[in-house]
């Protein structure tokens, strides 16, 4: 995956995770809330991978 794809998918996973957490909180569904936290963390990691790829590419261009 390209760094841009990683960052976009990461942002999407963060947003979906936050929505799931909110719905889980509103419906008193701890499983959905936990699933949302996990998906948000996955998004954080995907964005970090994208940023790392950008940093490696910049370093290689020097």
C-alpha atoms as a PDB file:
ATOM      1  CA  UNK A   1       0.000   0.000   0.000  1.00  0.00           C
ATOM      2  CA  UNK A   2       1.139   3.531  -0.626  1.00  0.00           C
ATOM      3  CA  UNK A   3       1.641   5.926   2.242  1.00  0.00           C
ATOM      4  CA  UNK A   4      -1.387   7.941   1.134  1.00  0.00           C
ATOM      5  CA  UNK A   5      -3.573   4.830   1.080  1.00  0.00           C
ATOM      6  CA  UNK A   6      -2.388   3.888   4.568  1.00  0.00           C
ATOM      7  CA  UNK A   7      -3.190   7.347   5.888  1.00  0.00           C
ATOM      8  CA  UNK A   8      -6.636   7.504   4.241  1.00  0.00           C
ATOM      9  CA  UNK A   9      -7.612   4.028   5.428  1.00  0.00           C
ATOM     10  CA  UNK A  10      -6.280   4.898   8.871  1.00  0.00           C
ATOM     11  CA  UNK A  11      -8.409   8.020   9.048  1.00  0.00           C
ATOM     12  CA  UNK A  12     -11.467   6.039   7.938  1.00  0.00           C
ATOM     13  CA  UNK A  13     -10.865   3.356  10.568  1.00  0.00           C
ATOM     14  CA  UNK A  14     -10.441   6.010  13.251  1.00  0.00           C
ATOM     15  CA  UNK A  15     -13.751   7.629  12.304  1.00  0.00           C
ATOM     16  CA  UNK A  16     -15.646   4.334  12.116  1.00  0.00           C
ATOM     17  CA  UNK A  17     -14.151   3.281  15.436  1.00  0.00           C
ATOM     18  CA  UNK A  18     -15.292   6.493  17.107  1.00  0.00           C
ATOM     19  CA  UNK A  19     -18.817   6.037  15.744  1.00  0.00           C
ATOM     20  CA  UNK A  20     -18.936   2.442  17.004  1.00  0.00           C
ATOM     21  CA  UNK A  21     -17.761   3.588  20.427  1.00  0.00           C
ATOM     22  CA  UNK A  22     -20.467   6.240  20.530  1.00  0.00           C
ATOM     23  CA  UNK A  23     -23.187   3.817  19.487  1.00  0.00           C
ATOM     24  CA  UNK A  24     -21.891   1.258  21.982  1.00  0.00           C
ATOM     25  CA  UNK A  25     -21.993   3.870  24.723  1.00  0.00           C
ATOM     26  CA  UNK A  26     -25.489   5.050  23.748  1.00  0.00           C
ATOM     27  CA  UNK A  27     -26.903   1.527  23.574  1.00  0.00           C
ATOM     28  CA  UNK A  28     -24.978   0.255  26.594  1.00  0.00           C
ATOM     29  CA  UNK A  29     -23.226  -2.338  24.412  1.00  0.00           C
ATOM     30  CA  UNK A  30     -19.723  -2.908  25.816  1.00  0.00           C
ATOM     31  CA  UNK A  31     -18.804  -5.304  22.986  1.00  0.00           C
ATOM     32  CA  UNK A  32     -19.527  -2.680  20.322  1.00  0.00           C
ATOM     33  CA  UNK A  33     -17.711  -0.040  22.330  1.00  0.00           C
ATOM     34  CA  UNK A  34     -14.672  -2.327  22.598  1.00  0.00           C
ATOM     35  CA  UNK A  35     -14.826  -3.105  18.886  1.00  0.00           C
ATOM     36  CA  UNK A  36     -14.820   0.623  18.209  1.00  0.00           C
ATOM     37  CA  UNK A  37     -11.766   1.173  20.387  1.00  0.00           C
ATOM     38  CA  UNK A  38      -9.958  -1.611  18.572  1.00  0.00           C
ATOM     39  CA  UNK A  39     -10.852  -0.214  15.152  1.00  0.00           C
ATOM     40  CA  UNK A  40      -9.758   3.267  16.181  1.00  0.00           C
ATOM     41  CA  UNK A  41      -6.412   1.855  17.354  1.00  0.00           C
ATOM     42  CA  UNK A  42      -6.050   0.070  14.008  1.00  0.00           C
ATOM     43  CA  UNK A  43      -6.577   3.421  12.307  1.00  0.00           C
ATOM     44  CA  UNK A  44      -3.931   5.041  14.492  1.00  0.00           C
ATOM     45  CA  UNK A  45      -1.474   2.332  13.495  1.00  0.00           C
ATOM     46  CA  UNK A  46      -2.308   2.611   9.777  1.00  0.00           C
ATOM     47  CA  UNK A  47      -1.721   6.360   9.852  1.00  0.00           C
ATOM     48  CA  UNK A  48       1.588   5.859  11.658  1.00  0.00           C
ATOM     49  CA  UNK A  49       2.689   3.360   8.997  1.00  0.00           C
ATOM     50  CA  UNK A  50       1.814   5.863   6.274  1.00  0.00           C
ATOM     51  CA  UNK A  51       3.814   8.598   7.989  1.00  0.00           C
ATOM     52  CA  UNK A  52       6.764   6.233   8.459  1.00  0.00           C
ATOM     53  CA  UNK A  53       6.701   5.365   4.752  1.00  0.00           C
ATOM     54  CA  UNK A  54       6.793   9.082   3.940  1.00  0.00           C
ATOM     55  CA  UNK A  55       9.776   9.575   6.250  1.00  0.00           C
ATOM     56  CA  UNK A  56      11.673   6.666   4.681  1.00  0.00           C
ATOM     57  CA  UNK A  57      10.962   7.992   1.199  1.00  0.00           C
ATOM     58  CA  UNK A  58      12.183  11.472   2.162  1.00  0.00           C
ATOM     59  CA  UNK A  59      15.358  10.033   3.685  1.00  0.00           C
ATOM     60  CA  UNK A  60      15.998   7.947   0.565  1.00  0.00           C
ATOM     61  CA  UNK A  61      15.620  11.029  -1.635  1.00  0.00           C
ATOM     62  CA  UNK A  62      18.429  12.856   0.169  1.00  0.00           C
END
